[in-house]
Amino acid sequence: MEDTITTGIDFMTKIQSGHYVLLKFTKKDGSTRIMKATLNFDLIPKEKKPKEANSEKIMKDLEKNKILRIFDLEKIDWRTVPFEQVDWVQTYDKDNKTIRYKVDTKKILKI
């Protein structure tokens, strides 16, 4: 089953809902990338964790600049993902079954 993510809050919720997600997006240079990423601080090395997590700032950045900073588990560093260029986000349920969400950014929630 494939649902649609339409807001920044939906997007953040899906990313935070598990240990990690896969997301497919188009980079600025036009190439496509599939990233294994997380916002789960338990999976981020101590030296890479931000000093503070400010949800309001994250949501404003997502709304205003259409970007999300997310931790890349393969590069072991933070990356900026252009929200409007995300095709889909894939998460896993408690039984490790794949759940894929397509992204439609025409309805980003205002805060």
PDB file of N, CA and C in Angstrom:
ATOM      1  N   MET A   1       0.831  -1.173   0.000  1.00  0.00           N
ATOM      2  CA  MET A   1       0.000   0.000   0.000  1.00  0.00           C
ATOM      3  C   MET A   1       0.881   1.243   0.000  1.00  0.00           C
ATOM      4  N   GLU A   2       0.516   2.228  -0.797  1.00  0.00           N
ATOM      5  CA  GLU A   2       1.294   3.449  -0.891  1.00  0.00           C
ATOM      6  C   GLU A   2       0.402   4.636  -0.580  1.00  0.00           C
ATOM      7  N   ASP A   3       0.768   5.383   0.466  1.00  0.00           N
ATOM      8  CA  ASP A   3       0.054   6.598   0.820  1.00  0.00           C
ATOM      9  C   ASP A   3       0.861   7.785   0.308  1.00  0.00           C
ATOM     10  N   THR A   4       0.286   8.971   0.445  1.00  0.00           N
ATOM     11  CA  THR A   4       0.952  10.174  -0.026  1.00  0.00           C
ATOM     12  C   THR A   4       1.300  11.083   1.140  1.00  0.00           C
ATOM     13  N   ILE A   5       2.527  11.567   1.145  1.00  0.00           N
ATOM     14  CA  ILE A   5       2.972  12.563   2.110  1.00  0.00           C
ATOM     15  C   ILE A   5       2.771  13.917   1.440  1.00  0.00           C
ATOM     16  N   THR A   6       2.018  14.805   2.096  1.00  0.00           N
ATOM     17  CA  THR A   6       1.739  16.102   1.485  1.00  0.00           C
ATOM     18  C   THR A   6       2.278  17.275   2.293  1.00  0.00           C
ATOM     19  N   THR A   7       2.669  17.053   3.540  1.00  0.00           N
ATOM     20  CA  THR A   7       3.129  18.167   4.367  1.00  0.00           C
ATOM     21  C   THR A   7       4.476  17.855   4.998  1.00  0.00           C
ATOM     22  N   GLY A   8       5.125  18.903   5.438  1.00  0.00           N
ATOM     23  CA  GLY A   8       6.385  18.744   6.153  1.00  0.00           C
ATOM     24  C   GLY A   8       6.225  17.921   7.417  1.00  0.00           C
ATOM     25  N   ILE A   9       5.094  18.089   8.094  1.00  0.00           N
ATOM     26  CA  ILE A   9       4.857  17.318   9.322  1.00  0.00           C
ATOM     27  C   ILE A   9       4.735  15.840   8.996  1.00  0.00           C
ATOM     28  N   ASP A  10       4.009  15.489   7.937  1.00  0.00           N
ATOM     29  CA  ASP A  10       3.920  14.079   7.508  1.00  0.00           C
ATOM     30  C   ASP A  10       5.318  13.524   7.240  1.00  0.00           C
ATOM     31  N   PHE A  11       6.096  14.309   6.519  1.00  0.00           N
ATOM     32  CA  PHE A  11       7.449  13.901   6.136  1.00  0.00           C
ATOM     33  C   PHE A  11       8.300  13.628   7.373  1.00  0.00           C
ATOM     34  N   MET A  12       8.300  14.579   8.295  1.00  0.00           N
ATOM     35  CA  MET A  12       9.092  14.427   9.522  1.00  0.00           C
ATOM     36  C   MET A  12       8.620  13.230  10.340  1.00  0.00           C
ATOM     37  N   THR A  13       7.317  13.043  10.427  1.00  0.00           N
ATOM     38  CA  THR A  13       6.763  11.930  11.201  1.00  0.00           C
ATOM     39  C   THR A  13       7.227  10.591  10.639  1.00  0.00           C
ATOM     40  N   LYS A  14       7.206  10.457   9.327  1.00  0.00           N
ATOM     41  CA  LYS A  14       7.630   9.199   8.704  1.00  0.00           C
ATOM     42  C   LYS A  14       9.115   8.946   8.963  1.00  0.00           C
ATOM     43  N   ILE A  15       9.923   9.989   8.894  1.00  0.00           N
ATOM     44  CA  ILE A  15      11.357   9.827   9.105  1.00  0.00           C
ATOM     45  C   ILE A  15      11.658   9.478  10.556  1.00  0.00           C
ATOM     46  N   GLN A  16      10.921  10.056  11.481  1.00  0.00           N
ATOM     47  CA  GLN A  16      11.165   9.811  12.893  1.00  0.00           C
ATOM     48  C   GLN A  16      10.495   8.543  13.409  1.00  0.00           C
ATOM     49  N   SER A  17       9.659   7.919  12.593  1.00  0.00           N
ATOM     50  CA  SER A  17       8.843   6.805  13.076  1.00  0.00           C
ATOM     51  C   SER A  17       9.623   5.513  13.302  1.00  0.00           C
ATOM     52  N   GLY A  18      10.784   5.378  12.735  1.00  0.00           N
ATOM     53  CA  GLY A  18      11.529   4.136  12.897  1.00  0.00           C
ATOM     54  C   GLY A  18      13.012   4.386  13.057  1.00  0.00           C
ATOM     55  N   HIS A  19      13.755   3.339  12.891  1.00  0.00           N
ATOM     56  CA  HIS A  19      15.202   3.475  13.039  1.00  0.00           C
ATOM     57  C   HIS A  19      15.808   4.232  11.868  1.00  0.00           C
ATOM     58  N   TYR A  20      15.381   3.879  10.675  1.00  0.00           N
ATOM     59  CA  TYR A  20      15.892   4.568   9.500  1.00  0.00           C
ATOM     60  C   TYR A  20      14.859   4.507   8.389  1.00  0.00           C
ATOM     61  N   VAL A  21      15.072   5.335   7.372  1.00  0.00           N
ATOM     62  CA  VAL A  21      14.229   5.332   6.185  1.00  0.00           C
ATOM     63  C   VAL A  21      15.131   5.314   4.960  1.00  0.00           C
ATOM     64  N   LEU A  22      14.554   4.927   3.850  1.00  0.00           N
ATOM     65  CA  LEU A  22      15.192   5.136   2.558  1.00  0.00           C
ATOM     66  C   LEU A  22      14.392   6.240   1.894  1.00  0.00           C
ATOM     67  N   LEU A  23      15.066   7.164   1.256  1.00  0.00           N
ATOM     68  CA  LEU A  23      14.341   8.161   0.500  1.00  0.00           C
ATOM     69  C   LEU A  23      15.006   8.382  -0.835  1.00  0.00           C
ATOM     70  N   LYS A  24      14.164   8.533  -1.844  1.00  0.00           N
ATOM     71  CA  LYS A  24      14.648   8.756  -3.205  1.00  0.00           C
ATOM     72  C   LYS A  24      14.347  10.202  -3.566  1.00  0.00           C
ATOM     73  N   PHE A  25      15.393  10.907  -4.021  1.00  0.00           N
ATOM     74  CA  PHE A  25      15.208  12.290  -4.405  1.00  0.00           C
ATOM     75  C   PHE A  25      16.138  12.646  -5.555  1.00  0.00           C
ATOM     76  N   THR A  26      15.844  13.787  -6.177  1.00  0.00           N
ATOM     77  CA  THR A  26      16.664  14.288  -7.271  1.00  0.00           C
ATOM     78  C   THR A  26      17.570  15.380  -6.713  1.00  0.00           C
ATOM     79  N   LYS A  27      18.869  15.215  -6.920  1.00  0.00           N
ATOM     80  CA  LYS A  27      19.845  16.183  -6.444  1.00  0.00           C
ATOM     81  C   LYS A  27      19.850  17.419  -7.346  1.00  0.00           C
ATOM     82  N   LYS A  28      20.513  18.481  -6.875  1.00  0.00           N
ATOM     83  CA  LYS A  28      20.582  19.729  -7.650  1.00  0.00           C
ATOM     84  C   LYS A  28      21.159  19.517  -9.044  1.00  0.00           C
ATOM     85  N   ASP A  29      22.102  18.575  -9.167  1.00  0.00           N
ATOM     86  CA  ASP A  29      22.737  18.341 -10.467  1.00  0.00           C
ATOM     87  C   ASP A  29      21.873  17.489 -11.402  1.00  0.00           C
ATOM     88  N   GLY A  30      20.679  17.096 -10.923  1.00  0.00           N
ATOM     89  CA  GLY A  30      19.755  16.323 -11.751  1.00  0.00           C
ATOM     90  C   GLY A  30      19.862  14.818 -11.562  1.00  0.00           C
ATOM     91  N   SER A  31      20.887  14.366 -10.864  1.00  0.00           N
ATOM     92  CA  SER A  31      21.029  12.924 -10.637  1.00  0.00           C
ATOM     93  C   SER A  31      20.071  12.477  -9.529  1.00  0.00           C
ATOM     94  N   THR A  32      19.741  11.201  -9.543  1.00  0.00           N
ATOM     95  CA  THR A  32      18.841  10.617  -8.555  1.00  0.00           C
ATOM     96  C   THR A  32      19.654   9.922  -7.482  1.00  0.00           C
ATOM     97  N   ARG A  33      19.190  10.020  -6.250  1.00  0.00           N
ATOM     98  CA  ARG A  33      19.893   9.374  -5.153  1.00  0.00           C
ATOM     99  C   ARG A  33      18.896   8.685  -4.248  1.00  0.00           C
ATOM    100  N   ILE A  34      19.282   7.517  -3.758  1.00  0.00           N
ATOM    101  CA  ILE A  34      18.532   6.831  -2.706  1.00  0.00           C
ATOM    102  C   ILE A  34      19.414   6.869  -1.469  1.00  0.00           C
ATOM    103  N   MET A  35      18.897   7.485  -0.416  1.00  0.00           N
ATOM    104  CA  MET A  35      19.668   7.691   0.803  1.00  0.00           C
ATOM    105  C   MET A  35      19.071   6.876   1.951  1.00  0.00           C
ATOM    106  N   LYS A  36      19.934   6.233   2.704  1.00  0.00           N
ATOM    107  CA  LYS A  36      19.529   5.579   3.948  1.00  0.00           C
ATOM    108  C   LYS A  36      19.794   6.606   5.038  1.00  0.00           C
ATOM    109  N   ALA A  37      18.718   7.070   5.681  1.00  0.00           N
ATOM    110  CA  ALA A  37      18.845   8.207   6.580  1.00  0.00           C
ATOM    111  C   ALA A  37      18.003   8.047   7.834  1.00  0.00           C
ATOM    112  N   THR A  38      18.260   8.929   8.798  1.00  0.00           N
ATOM    113  CA  THR A  38      17.530   8.884  10.056  1.00  0.00           C
ATOM    114  C   THR A  38      17.477  10.252  10.717  1.00  0.00           C
ATOM    115  N   LEU A  39      16.539  10.398  11.613  1.00  0.00           N
ATOM    116  CA  LEU A  39      16.508  11.486  12.576  1.00  0.00           C
ATOM    117  C   LEU A  39      16.423  10.887  13.983  1.00  0.00           C
ATOM    118  N   ASN A  40      16.669   9.591  14.084  1.00  0.00           N
ATOM    119  CA  ASN A  40      16.683   8.884  15.356  1.00  0.00           C
ATOM    120  C   ASN A  40      18.056   9.105  16.002  1.00  0.00           C
ATOM    121  N   PHE A  41      18.093   9.888  17.068  1.00  0.00           N
ATOM    122  CA  PHE A  41      19.369  10.259  17.689  1.00  0.00           C
ATOM    123  C   PHE A  41      20.128   9.065  18.255  1.00  0.00           C
ATOM    124  N   ASP A  42      19.451   7.955  18.513  1.00  0.00           N
ATOM    125  CA  ASP A  42      20.136   6.752  18.998  1.00  0.00           C
ATOM    126  C   ASP A  42      21.074   6.176  17.932  1.00  0.00           C
ATOM    127  N   LEU A  43      20.827   6.480  16.670  1.00  0.00           N
ATOM    128  CA  LEU A  43      21.642   5.948  15.576  1.00  0.00           C
ATOM    129  C   LEU A  43      22.718   6.928  15.096  1.00  0.00           C
ATOM    130  N   ILE A  44      22.739   8.118  15.652  1.00  0.00           N
ATOM    131  CA  ILE A  44      23.697   9.147  15.240  1.00  0.00           C
ATOM    132  C   ILE A  44      24.862   9.146  16.218  1.00  0.00           C
ATOM    133  N   PRO A  45      26.110   9.057  15.701  1.00  0.00           N
ATOM    134  CA  PRO A  45      27.272   9.062  16.598  1.00  0.00           C
ATOM    135  C   PRO A  45      27.300  10.320  17.479  1.00  0.00           C
ATOM    136  N   LYS A  46      27.775  10.160  18.693  1.00  0.00           N
ATOM    137  CA  LYS A  46      27.785  11.237  19.678  1.00  0.00           C
ATOM    138  C   LYS A  46      28.401  12.519  19.125  1.00  0.00           C
ATOM    139  N   GLU A  47      29.524  12.393  18.426  1.00  0.00           N
ATOM    140  CA  GLU A  47      30.221  13.574  17.918  1.00  0.00           C
ATOM    141  C   GLU A  47      29.473  14.273  16.778  1.00  0.00           C
ATOM    142  N   LYS A  48      28.463  13.617  16.216  1.00  0.00           N
ATOM    143  CA  LYS A  48      27.681  14.189  15.115  1.00  0.00           C
ATOM    144  C   LYS A  48      26.312  14.712  15.557  1.00  0.00           C
ATOM    145  N   LYS A  49      25.956  14.448  16.814  1.00  0.00           N
ATOM    146  CA  LYS A  49      24.645  14.902  17.296  1.00  0.00           C
ATOM    147  C   LYS A  49      24.656  16.418  17.467  1.00  0.00           C
ATOM    148  N   PRO A  50      23.562  17.072  17.070  1.00  0.00           N
ATOM    149  CA  PRO A  50      23.488  18.523  17.287  1.00  0.00           C
ATOM    150  C   PRO A  50      23.364  18.827  18.775  1.00  0.00           C
ATOM    151  N   LYS A  51      23.807  20.009  19.159  1.00  0.00           N
ATOM    152  CA  LYS A  51      23.742  20.399  20.568  1.00  0.00           C
ATOM    153  C   LYS A  51      22.299  20.523  21.050  1.00  0.00           C
ATOM    154  N   GLU A  52      21.407  20.926  20.123  1.00  0.00           N
ATOM    155  CA  GLU A  52      19.995  21.015  20.471  1.00  0.00           C
ATOM    156  C   GLU A  52      19.143  20.637  19.263  1.00  0.00           C
ATOM    157  N   ALA A  53      17.964  20.129  19.539  1.00  0.00           N
ATOM    158  CA  ALA A  53      17.017  19.802  18.466  1.00  0.00           C
ATOM    159  C   ALA A  53      15.864  20.782  18.588  1.00  0.00           C
ATOM    160  N   ASN A  54      15.719  21.632  17.595  1.00  0.00           N
ATOM    161  CA  ASN A  54      14.684  22.653  17.611  1.00  0.00           C
ATOM    162  C   ASN A  54      13.666  22.344  16.516  1.00  0.00           C
ATOM    163  N   SER A  55      12.577  21.696  16.891  1.00  0.00           N
ATOM    164  CA  SER A  55      11.549  21.274  15.925  1.00  0.00           C
ATOM    165  C   SER A  55      10.954  22.454  15.173  1.00  0.00           C
ATOM    166  N   GLU A  56      10.755  23.565  15.869  1.00  0.00           N
ATOM    167  CA  GLU A  56      10.168  24.741  15.218  1.00  0.00           C
ATOM    168  C   GLU A  56      11.091  25.261  14.118  1.00  0.00           C
ATOM    169  N   LYS A  57      12.402  25.314  14.392  1.00  0.00           N
ATOM    170  CA  LYS A  57      13.367  25.774  13.389  1.00  0.00           C
ATOM    171  C   LYS A  57      13.405  24.808  12.202  1.00  0.00           C
ATOM    172  N   ILE A  58      13.364  23.523  12.482  1.00  0.00           N
ATOM    173  CA  ILE A  58      13.378  22.510  11.422  1.00  0.00           C
ATOM    174  C   ILE A  58      12.153  22.679  10.519  1.00  0.00           C
ATOM    175  N   MET A  59      10.974  22.881  11.121  1.00  0.00           N
ATOM    176  CA  MET A  59       9.754  23.029  10.338  1.00  0.00           C
ATOM    177  C   MET A  59       9.752  24.340   9.542  1.00  0.00           C
ATOM    178  N   LYS A  60      10.267  25.422  10.129  1.00  0.00           N
ATOM    179  CA  LYS A  60      10.338  26.692   9.400  1.00  0.00           C
ATOM    180  C   LYS A  60      11.282  26.570   8.211  1.00  0.00           C
ATOM    181  N   ASP A  61      12.402  25.889   8.407  1.00  0.00           N
ATOM    182  CA  ASP A  61      13.352  25.689   7.311  1.00  0.00           C
ATOM    183  C   ASP A  61      12.720  24.841   6.209  1.00  0.00           C
ATOM    184  N   LEU A  62      11.968  23.837   6.616  1.00  0.00           N
ATOM    185  CA  LEU A  62      11.289  22.976   5.655  1.00  0.00           C
ATOM    186  C   LEU A  62      10.246  23.769   4.863  1.00  0.00           C
ATOM    187  N   GLU A  63       9.498  24.635   5.570  1.00  0.00           N
ATOM    188  CA  GLU A  63       8.463  25.431   4.909  1.00  0.00           C
ATOM    189  C   GLU A  63       9.065  26.528   4.033  1.00  0.00           C
ATOM    190  N   LYS A  64       9.996  27.301   4.587  1.00  0.00           N
ATOM    191  CA  LYS A  64      10.539  28.468   3.884  1.00  0.00           C
ATOM    192  C   LYS A  64      11.513  28.085   2.765  1.00  0.00           C
ATOM    193  N   ASN A  65      12.464  27.229   3.078  1.00  0.00           N
ATOM    194  CA  ASN A  65      13.528  26.884   2.125  1.00  0.00           C
ATOM    195  C   ASN A  65      13.307  25.556   1.419  1.00  0.00           C
ATOM    196  N   LYS A  66      12.282  24.814   1.849  1.00  0.00           N
ATOM    197  CA  LYS A  66      11.949  23.519   1.250  1.00  0.00           C
ATOM    198  C   LYS A  66      13.104  22.519   1.347  1.00  0.00           C
ATOM    199  N   ILE A  67      13.821  22.589   2.485  1.00  0.00           N
ATOM    200  CA  ILE A  67      14.924  21.644   2.702  1.00  0.00           C
ATOM    201  C   ILE A  67      14.794  20.997   4.075  1.00  0.00           C
ATOM    202  N   LEU A  68      15.386  19.844   4.194  1.00  0.00           N
ATOM    203  CA  LEU A  68      15.432  19.128   5.468  1.00  0.00           C
ATOM    204  C   LEU A  68      16.847  18.640   5.685  1.00  0.00           C
ATOM    205  N   ARG A  69      17.354  18.882   6.875  1.00  0.00           N
ATOM    206  CA  ARG A  69      18.647  18.307   7.234  1.00  0.00           C
ATOM    207  C   ARG A  69      18.373  16.956   7.878  1.00  0.00           C
ATOM    208  N   ILE A  70      19.025  15.946   7.345  1.00  0.00           N
ATOM    209  CA  ILE A  70      18.800  14.568   7.782  1.00  0.00           C
ATOM    210  C   ILE A  70      20.146  13.860   7.854  1.00  0.00           C
ATOM    211  N   PHE A  71      20.258  12.888   8.740  1.00  0.00           N
ATOM    212  CA  PHE A  71      21.530  12.198   8.923  1.00  0.00           C
ATOM    213  C   PHE A  71      21.640  11.014   7.965  1.00  0.00           C
ATOM    214  N   ASP A  72      22.658  11.060   7.120  1.00  0.00           N
ATOM    215  CA  ASP A  72      22.932  10.011   6.137  1.00  0.00           C
ATOM    216  C   ASP A  72      23.702   8.888   6.837  1.00  0.00           C
ATOM    217  N   LEU A  73      23.090   7.721   6.936  1.00  0.00           N
ATOM    218  CA  LEU A  73      23.700   6.599   7.654  1.00  0.00           C
ATOM    219  C   LEU A  73      24.824   5.918   6.873  1.00  0.00           C
ATOM    220  N   GLU A  74      24.932   6.170   5.587  1.00  0.00           N
ATOM    221  CA  GLU A  74      26.019   5.583   4.805  1.00  0.00           C
ATOM    222  C   GLU A  74      27.237   6.500   4.770  1.00  0.00           C
ATOM    223  N   LYS A  75      27.013   7.805   4.702  1.00  0.00           N
ATOM    224  CA  LYS A  75      28.119   8.768   4.682  1.00  0.00           C
ATOM    225  C   LYS A  75      28.505   9.198   6.091  1.00  0.00           C
ATOM    226  N   ILE A  76      27.697   8.815   7.064  1.00  0.00           N
ATOM    227  CA  ILE A  76      27.900   9.150   8.477  1.00  0.00           C
ATOM    228  C   ILE A  76      28.080  10.659   8.655  1.00  0.00           C
ATOM    229  N   ASP A  77      27.134  11.409   8.095  1.00  0.00           N
ATOM    230  CA  ASP A  77      27.163  12.858   8.222  1.00  0.00           C
ATOM    231  C   ASP A  77      25.797  13.431   7.863  1.00  0.00           C
ATOM    232  N   TRP A  78      25.596  14.684   8.211  1.00  0.00           N
ATOM    233  CA  TRP A  78      24.357  15.379   7.920  1.00  0.00           C
ATOM    234  C   TRP A  78      24.322  15.795   6.468  1.00  0.00           C
ATOM    235  N   ARG A  79      23.154  15.715   5.862  1.00  0.00           N
ATOM    236  CA  ARG A  79      22.955  16.118   4.485  1.00  0.00           C
ATOM    237  C   ARG A  79      21.680  16.954   4.396  1.00  0.00           C
ATOM    238  N   THR A  80      21.647  17.815   3.410  1.00  0.00           N
ATOM    239  CA  THR A  80      20.466  18.614   3.137  1.00  0.00           C
ATOM    240  C   THR A  80      19.721  17.974   1.980  1.00  0.00           C
ATOM    241  N   VAL A  81      18.450  17.716   2.202  1.00  0.00           N
ATOM    242  CA  VAL A  81      17.614  17.094   1.180  1.00  0.00           C
ATOM    243  C   VAL A  81      16.566  18.110   0.733  1.00  0.00           C
ATOM    244  N   PRO A  82      16.467  18.369  -0.578  1.00  0.00           N
ATOM    245  CA  PRO A  82      15.431  19.273  -1.080  1.00  0.00           C
ATOM    246  C   PRO A  82      14.062  18.587  -1.032  1.00  0.00           C
ATOM    247  N   PHE A  83      13.218  19.025  -0.108  1.00  0.00           N
ATOM    248  CA  PHE A  83      11.923  18.384   0.121  1.00  0.00           C
ATOM    249  C   PHE A  83      11.100  18.272  -1.146  1.00  0.00           C
ATOM    250  N   GLU A  84      11.103  19.294  -1.974  1.00  0.00           N
ATOM    251  CA  GLU A  84      10.292  19.265  -3.195  1.00  0.00           C
ATOM    252  C   GLU A  84      10.836  18.299  -4.241  1.00  0.00           C
ATOM    253  N   GLN A  85      12.026  17.788  -4.037  1.00  0.00           N
ATOM    254  CA  GLN A  85      12.627  16.852  -4.987  1.00  0.00           C
ATOM    255  C   GLN A  85      12.540  15.398  -4.512  1.00  0.00           C
ATOM    256  N   VAL A  86      11.900  15.167  -3.363  1.00  0.00           N
ATOM    257  CA  VAL A  86      11.767  13.807  -2.834  1.00  0.00           C
ATOM    258  C   VAL A  86      10.642  13.097  -3.581  1.00  0.00           C
ATOM    259  N   ASP A  87      10.954  11.925  -4.130  1.00  0.00           N
ATOM    260  CA  ASP A  87       9.948  11.116  -4.838  1.00  0.00           C
ATOM    261  C   ASP A  87       9.175  10.226  -3.875  1.00  0.00           C
ATOM    262  N   TRP A  88       9.916   9.563  -3.001  1.00  0.00           N
ATOM    263  CA  TRP A  88       9.282   8.677  -2.033  1.00  0.00           C
ATOM    264  C   TRP A  88      10.139   8.486  -0.791  1.00  0.00           C
ATOM    265  N   VAL A  89       9.464   8.044   0.273  1.00  0.00           N
ATOM    266  CA  VAL A  89      10.104   7.691   1.543  1.00  0.00           C
ATOM    267  C   VAL A  89       9.651   6.283   1.867  1.00  0.00           C
ATOM    268  N   GLN A  90      10.593   5.440   2.246  1.00  0.00           N
ATOM    269  CA  GLN A  90      10.268   4.052   2.582  1.00  0.00           C
ATOM    270  C   GLN A  90      10.616   3.801   4.045  1.00  0.00           C
ATOM    271  N   THR A  91       9.636   3.326   4.805  1.00  0.00           N
ATOM    272  CA  THR A  91       9.838   2.984   6.208  1.00  0.00           C
ATOM    273  C   THR A  91       9.529   1.504   6.389  1.00  0.00           C
ATOM    274  N   TYR A  92       9.607   1.058   7.613  1.00  0.00           N
ATOM    275  CA  TYR A  92       9.372  -0.360   7.922  1.00  0.00           C
ATOM    276  C   TYR A  92       8.501  -0.453   9.154  1.00  0.00           C
ATOM    277  N   ASP A  93       7.535  -1.376   9.122  1.00  0.00           N
ATOM    278  CA  ASP A  93       6.681  -1.539  10.284  1.00  0.00           C
ATOM    279  C   ASP A  93       7.365  -2.438  11.308  1.00  0.00           C
ATOM    280  N   LYS A  94       6.662  -2.735  12.396  1.00  0.00           N
ATOM    281  CA  LYS A  94       7.252  -3.522  13.490  1.00  0.00           C
ATOM    282  C   LYS A  94       7.643  -4.932  13.058  1.00  0.00           C
ATOM    283  N   ASP A  95       7.037  -5.441  11.980  1.00  0.00           N
ATOM    284  CA  ASP A  95       7.384  -6.764  11.453  1.00  0.00           C
ATOM    285  C   ASP A  95       8.408  -6.673  10.320  1.00  0.00           C
ATOM    286  N   ASN A  96       8.989  -5.477  10.171  1.00  0.00           N
ATOM    287  CA  ASN A  96      10.007  -5.204   9.156  1.00  0.00           C
ATOM    288  C   ASN A  96       9.469  -5.282   7.726  1.00  0.00           C
ATOM    289  N   LYS A  97       8.161  -5.058   7.586  1.00  0.00           N
ATOM    290  CA  LYS A  97       7.559  -4.998   6.255  1.00  0.00           C
ATOM    291  C   LYS A  97       7.721  -3.583   5.711  1.00  0.00           C
ATOM    292  N   THR A  98       7.965  -3.485   4.420  1.00  0.00           N
ATOM    293  CA  THR A  98       8.191  -2.202   3.767  1.00  0.00           C
ATOM    294  C   THR A  98       6.897  -1.410   3.607  1.00  0.00           C
ATOM    295  N   ILE A  99       6.971  -0.124   3.938  1.00  0.00           N
ATOM    296  CA  ILE A  99       5.871   0.805   3.698  1.00  0.00           C
ATOM    297  C   ILE A  99       6.477   1.967   2.918  1.00  0.00           C
ATOM    298  N   ARG A 100       5.965   2.217   1.729  1.00  0.00           N
ATOM    299  CA  ARG A 100       6.497   3.299   0.896  1.00  0.00           C
ATOM    300  C   ARG A 100       5.444   4.392   0.744  1.00  0.00           C
ATOM    301  N   TYR A 101       5.892   5.622   0.901  1.00  0.00           N
ATOM    302  CA  TYR A 101       5.037   6.798   0.768  1.00  0.00           C
ATOM    303  C   TYR A 101       5.550   7.649  -0.378  1.00  0.00           C
ATOM    304  N   LYS A 102       4.678   8.010  -1.306  1.00  0.00           N
ATOM    305  CA  LYS A 102       5.095   8.959  -2.333  1.00  0.00           C
ATOM    306  C   LYS A 102       4.946  10.361  -1.738  1.00  0.00           C
ATOM    307  N   VAL A 103       5.674  11.311  -2.284  1.00  0.00           N
ATOM    308  CA  VAL A 103       5.669  12.663  -1.742  1.00  0.00           C
ATOM    309  C   VAL A 103       5.069  13.623  -2.761  1.00  0.00           C
ATOM    310  N   ASP A 104       4.088  14.380  -2.327  1.00  0.00           N
ATOM    311  CA  ASP A 104       3.464  15.425  -3.144  1.00  0.00           C
ATOM    312  C   ASP A 104       3.525  16.708  -2.327  1.00  0.00           C
ATOM    313  N   THR A 105       4.440  17.596  -2.679  1.00  0.00           N
ATOM    314  CA  THR A 105       4.696  18.776  -1.853  1.00  0.00           C
ATOM    315  C   THR A 105       3.836  19.974  -2.201  1.00  0.00           C
ATOM    316  N   LYS A 106       2.757  19.784  -2.898  1.00  0.00           N
ATOM    317  CA  LYS A 106       1.914  20.919  -3.266  1.00  0.00           C
ATOM    318  C   LYS A 106       1.160  21.486  -2.057  1.00  0.00           C
ATOM    319  N   LYS A 107       1.111  20.725  -0.972  1.00  0.00           N
ATOM    320  CA  LYS A 107       0.339  21.152   0.190  1.00  0.00           C
ATOM    321  C   LYS A 107       1.208  21.202   1.445  1.00  0.00           C
ATOM    322  N   ILE A 108       2.253  21.988   1.458  1.00  0.00           N
ATOM    323  CA  ILE A 108       3.099  22.082   2.644  1.00  0.00           C
ATOM    324  C   ILE A 108       2.367  22.883   3.705  1.00  0.00           C
ATOM    325  N   LEU A 109       2.330  22.352   4.911  1.00  0.00           N
ATOM    326  CA  LEU A 109       1.613  22.966   6.012  1.00  0.00           C
ATOM    327  C   LEU A 109       2.318  24.227   6.488  1.00  0.00           C
ATOM    328  N   LYS A 110       1.563  25.288   6.666  1.00  0.00           N
ATOM    329  CA  LYS A 110       2.086  26.545   7.209  1.00  0.00           C
ATOM    330  C   LYS A 110       2.051  26.479   8.737  1.00  0.00           C
ATOM    331  N   ILE A 111       3.098  27.015   9.377  1.00  0.00           N
ATOM    332  CA  ILE A 111       3.091  27.054  10.841  1.00  0.00           C
ATOM    333  C   ILE A 111       3.127  28.480  11.334  1.00  0.00           C
TER     334      ILE A 111
END
